[in-house]
């Protein structure tokens, strides 16, 4: 069993649980926040464990950003549903965040279809993710502690700050994506085709053990 990839998969499983708890109302925000914290911890430790246990795989490098994007999209939708009526300007900020994730997903598909390697997460992307979750959790906490009438400025400001940091990360990733499309070789890329080839090789070996155990006998019969 690959423990890092299992933790990454856990983040995807936790998404519907977070959405259900968050949308049940303020009384369940603490539980939804706890689920989000568990998701964040798994995000922190899957890469660390992969390096410590020597279980880094190309599949894990692909699965990790997918889990990140799905979790972020779920948080954005839940935040919009809960707060867009009280804070109309938050819709624009959340929309920018969602468009950024969609654009990066589409860009990744274009790069893969061209047979290019994907670039793995960079420091600015990780910073943007931390800022996003910090701002979203702070918005929820402020809405619990203070009347909404007192938050008409601070809540949209936090949302736009998170959106600005995420757009900065998007611009940096966009520049790297253009280099990959042009065929520029860079360090820290993800060879998805290599992982598929390795997986096919393992499956073939497991499916035909006699071919690998007794190759000499087969050659003698032929």
Protein backbone atom coordinates (compact mmCIF):
# COMPACT_ATOMS: atom_id res chain seq x y z
CA UNK A 1 0.00 0.00 0.00
CA UNK A 2 1.25 3.47 -0.87
CA UNK A 3 0.51 5.51 2.27
CA UNK A 4 1.08 8.98 0.72
CA UNK A 5 -1.32 8.27 -2.14
CA UNK A 6 -3.84 6.89 0.37
CA UNK A 7 -3.70 10.17 2.32
CA UNK A 8 -4.17 12.13 -0.89
CA UNK A 9 -7.20 9.99 -1.76
CA UNK A 10 -8.56 10.65 1.72
CA UNK A 11 -8.69 14.36 0.92
CA UNK A 12 -11.00 13.64 -1.99
CA UNK A 13 -13.23 11.43 0.18
CA UNK A 14 -13.50 14.21 2.79
CA UNK A 15 -14.88 16.74 0.29
CA UNK A 16 -18.56 15.66 0.38
CA UNK A 17 -18.38 15.36 4.19
CA UNK A 18 -17.11 18.93 4.48
CA UNK A 19 -19.81 20.23 2.12
CA UNK A 20 -22.59 18.44 4.00
CA UNK A 21 -21.46 19.75 7.39
CA UNK A 22 -20.85 23.31 6.20
CA UNK A 23 -24.17 23.64 4.42
CA UNK A 24 -26.04 22.38 7.50
CA UNK A 25 -25.50 25.80 9.04
CA UNK A 26 -23.40 27.73 11.60
CA UNK A 27 -23.89 25.12 14.33
CA UNK A 28 -21.87 22.67 12.23
CA UNK A 29 -19.11 25.07 11.14
CA UNK A 30 -16.77 23.73 13.83
CA UNK A 31 -17.14 20.18 12.51
CA UNK A 32 -16.71 21.34 8.93
CA UNK A 33 -13.59 23.24 9.99
CA UNK A 34 -12.24 20.13 11.70
CA UNK A 35 -12.71 18.14 8.49
CA UNK A 36 -10.90 20.88 6.56
CA UNK A 37 -8.03 20.82 9.06
CA UNK A 38 -7.71 17.04 8.68
CA UNK A 39 -7.67 17.54 4.91
CA UNK A 40 -4.96 20.17 5.24
CA UNK A 41 -2.84 17.95 7.50
CA UNK A 42 -3.08 15.09 5.02
CA UNK A 43 -1.97 17.52 2.32
CA UNK A 44 1.01 18.48 4.46
CA UNK A 45 2.10 14.96 5.34
CA UNK A 46 1.52 13.07 2.09
CA UNK A 47 4.49 14.69 0.38
CA UNK A 48 6.66 14.39 3.49
CA UNK A 49 5.85 10.70 3.88
CA UNK A 50 6.41 10.08 0.18
CA UNK A 51 9.97 11.38 0.53
CA UNK A 52 10.69 9.69 3.86
CA UNK A 53 9.27 6.31 2.80
CA UNK A 54 10.66 6.56 -0.73
CA UNK A 55 7.14 6.16 -2.11
CA UNK A 56 7.12 9.10 -4.51
CA UNK A 57 5.21 8.26 -7.68
CA UNK A 58 4.20 10.20 -10.76
CA UNK A 59 0.60 9.22 -9.97
CA UNK A 60 0.89 10.83 -6.54
CA UNK A 61 2.24 14.01 -8.09
CA UNK A 62 -0.83 14.13 -10.32
CA UNK A 63 -3.34 13.10 -7.66
CA UNK A 64 -2.17 15.74 -5.17
CA UNK A 65 -3.07 18.84 -7.23
CA UNK A 66 -6.34 17.21 -8.30
CA UNK A 67 -7.29 16.76 -4.65
CA UNK A 68 -6.25 20.35 -3.96
CA UNK A 69 -8.37 21.73 -6.79
CA UNK A 70 -11.45 19.69 -5.91
CA UNK A 71 -11.21 20.71 -2.24
CA UNK A 72 -10.69 24.36 -3.09
CA UNK A 73 -13.61 24.35 -5.52
CA UNK A 74 -15.85 22.78 -2.87
CA UNK A 75 -14.87 25.45 -0.33
CA UNK A 76 -15.49 28.25 -2.86
CA UNK A 77 -18.96 26.97 -3.75
CA UNK A 78 -19.91 26.51 -0.09
CA UNK A 79 -18.65 29.99 0.81
CA UNK A 80 -20.57 31.55 -2.06
CA UNK A 81 -23.77 29.74 -1.13
CA UNK A 82 -23.52 30.84 2.50
CA UNK A 83 -22.34 34.45 2.15
CA UNK A 84 -23.13 35.91 -1.27
CA UNK A 85 -26.48 37.36 -0.11
CA UNK A 86 -24.94 39.27 2.82
CA UNK A 87 -21.71 40.21 1.02
CA UNK A 88 -22.44 40.59 -2.72
CA UNK A 89 -18.87 41.59 -3.63
CA UNK A 90 -17.56 38.27 -2.36
CA UNK A 91 -19.05 36.61 -5.44
CA UNK A 92 -16.53 38.35 -7.71
CA UNK A 93 -13.55 37.27 -5.61
CA UNK A 94 -14.77 33.69 -5.30
CA UNK A 95 -15.51 33.62 -9.03
CA UNK A 96 -11.93 34.63 -9.81
CA UNK A 97 -10.64 31.84 -7.59
CA UNK A 98 -12.84 29.26 -9.28
CA UNK A 99 -11.89 30.46 -12.77
CA UNK A 100 -8.23 30.22 -11.83
CA UNK A 101 -8.59 26.57 -10.83
CA UNK A 102 -10.61 25.74 -13.95
CA UNK A 103 -8.04 27.46 -16.18
CA UNK A 104 -5.19 25.55 -14.57
CA UNK A 105 -7.04 22.25 -14.94
CA UNK A 106 -7.72 22.94 -18.63
CA UNK A 107 -4.12 24.02 -19.16
CA UNK A 108 -2.89 20.81 -17.57
CA UNK A 109 -5.07 18.74 -19.90
CA UNK A 110 -3.73 20.61 -22.93
CA UNK A 111 -0.15 19.96 -21.84
CA UNK A 112 -0.84 16.25 -21.25
CA UNK A 113 -2.59 15.87 -24.61
CA UNK A 114 0.49 17.28 -26.31
CA UNK A 115 2.61 14.63 -24.63
CA UNK A 116 4.42 17.16 -22.45
CA UNK A 117 5.38 16.81 -18.82
CA UNK A 118 3.44 18.73 -16.18
CA UNK A 119 5.14 21.02 -13.71
CA UNK A 120 4.71 20.03 -10.07
CA UNK A 121 3.55 22.39 -7.33
CA UNK A 122 5.77 25.43 -6.82
CA UNK A 123 6.28 27.50 -3.68
CA UNK A 124 4.00 30.29 -4.86
CA UNK A 125 1.18 27.81 -5.42
CA UNK A 126 1.60 26.43 -1.92
CA UNK A 127 1.60 29.95 -0.45
CA UNK A 128 -1.58 30.78 -2.37
CA UNK A 129 -3.26 27.66 -0.99
CA UNK A 130 -2.31 28.51 2.61
CA UNK A 131 -3.52 32.11 2.18
CA UNK A 132 -6.79 30.91 0.67
CA UNK A 133 -7.65 28.56 3.54
CA UNK A 134 -6.53 31.06 6.18
CA UNK A 135 -8.76 33.77 4.70
CA UNK A 136 -11.76 31.45 4.31
CA UNK A 137 -11.48 30.16 7.88
CA UNK A 138 -11.11 33.73 9.15
CA UNK A 139 -14.26 34.80 7.26
CA UNK A 140 -16.22 31.96 8.86
CA UNK A 141 -14.84 32.78 12.33
CA UNK A 142 -15.70 36.48 11.97
CA UNK A 143 -19.25 35.65 10.91
CA UNK A 144 -19.65 33.52 14.03
CA UNK A 145 -18.19 36.11 16.42
CA UNK A 146 -19.55 39.41 15.06
CA UNK A 147 -22.78 40.74 13.50
CA UNK A 148 -22.72 40.68 9.71
CA UNK A 149 -23.42 44.42 9.59
CA UNK A 150 -19.95 45.02 11.06
CA UNK A 151 -18.23 42.84 8.46
CA UNK A 152 -19.27 44.50 5.20
CA UNK A 153 -15.72 45.67 4.50
CA UNK A 154 -13.47 43.08 6.11
CA UNK A 155 -15.11 39.98 4.60
CA UNK A 156 -14.87 41.11 0.93
CA UNK A 157 -11.36 42.45 1.64
CA UNK A 158 -10.20 39.04 2.87
CA UNK A 159 -11.77 37.34 -0.14
CA UNK A 160 -10.11 39.72 -2.61
CA UNK A 161 -6.76 39.37 -0.85
CA UNK A 162 -6.93 35.59 -1.26
CA UNK A 163 -8.01 36.01 -4.89
CA UNK A 164 -5.09 38.37 -5.59
CA UNK A 165 -2.53 35.92 -4.19
CA UNK A 166 -4.08 33.09 -6.19
CA UNK A 167 -4.03 35.13 -9.39
CA UNK A 168 -0.34 35.87 -8.80
CA UNK A 169 0.27 32.12 -8.55
CA UNK A 170 -1.79 31.56 -11.70
CA UNK A 171 0.32 34.04 -13.69
CA UNK A 172 3.50 32.28 -12.61
CA UNK A 173 2.08 28.86 -13.52
CA UNK A 174 0.80 30.24 -16.84
CA UNK A 175 4.32 31.35 -17.74
CA UNK A 176 5.68 27.89 -16.91
CA UNK A 177 2.88 26.26 -18.91
CA UNK A 178 3.81 28.26 -22.02
CA UNK A 179 7.39 27.04 -21.71
CA UNK A 180 6.23 23.43 -21.42
CA UNK A 181 4.01 23.77 -24.49
CA UNK A 182 6.98 25.15 -26.44
CA UNK A 183 8.99 22.09 -25.44
CA UNK A 184 11.35 23.78 -23.00
CA UNK A 185 12.88 21.21 -20.63
CA UNK A 186 12.63 22.14 -16.96
CA UNK A 187 13.42 20.53 -13.64
CA UNK A 188 10.63 19.45 -11.32
CA UNK A 189 8.25 18.16 -13.98
CA UNK A 190 5.84 15.23 -13.75
CA UNK A 191 6.20 12.44 -16.31
CA UNK A 192 2.66 11.04 -16.39
CA UNK A 193 3.41 8.75 -19.32
CA UNK A 194 6.24 7.16 -17.33
CA UNK A 195 3.83 6.30 -14.52
CA UNK A 196 1.33 4.79 -16.99
CA UNK A 197 4.09 2.70 -18.57
CA UNK A 198 5.25 1.45 -15.17
CA UNK A 199 1.68 0.58 -14.19
CA UNK A 200 1.12 -1.32 -17.43
CA UNK A 201 4.37 -3.18 -16.90
CA UNK A 202 3.41 -4.22 -13.38
CA UNK A 203 -0.04 -5.32 -14.48
CA UNK A 204 1.39 -7.39 -17.31
CA UNK A 205 3.86 -9.03 -14.95
CA UNK A 206 1.15 -9.88 -12.44
CA UNK A 207 -1.24 -11.15 -15.09
CA UNK A 208 1.32 -13.53 -16.69
CA UNK A 209 3.61 -14.78 -13.92
CA UNK A 210 4.59 -17.87 -15.94
CA UNK A 211 6.10 -15.70 -18.65
CA UNK A 212 8.45 -14.08 -16.16
CA UNK A 213 9.14 -17.15 -14.02
CA UNK A 214 9.85 -19.63 -16.83
CA UNK A 215 11.05 -17.70 -19.88
CA UNK A 216 13.66 -20.31 -20.65
CA UNK A 217 11.06 -23.10 -20.82
CA UNK A 218 8.97 -21.11 -23.27
CA UNK A 219 11.96 -20.46 -25.48
CA UNK A 220 12.87 -24.17 -25.41
CA UNK A 221 9.38 -25.20 -26.49
CA UNK A 222 9.43 -22.73 -29.36
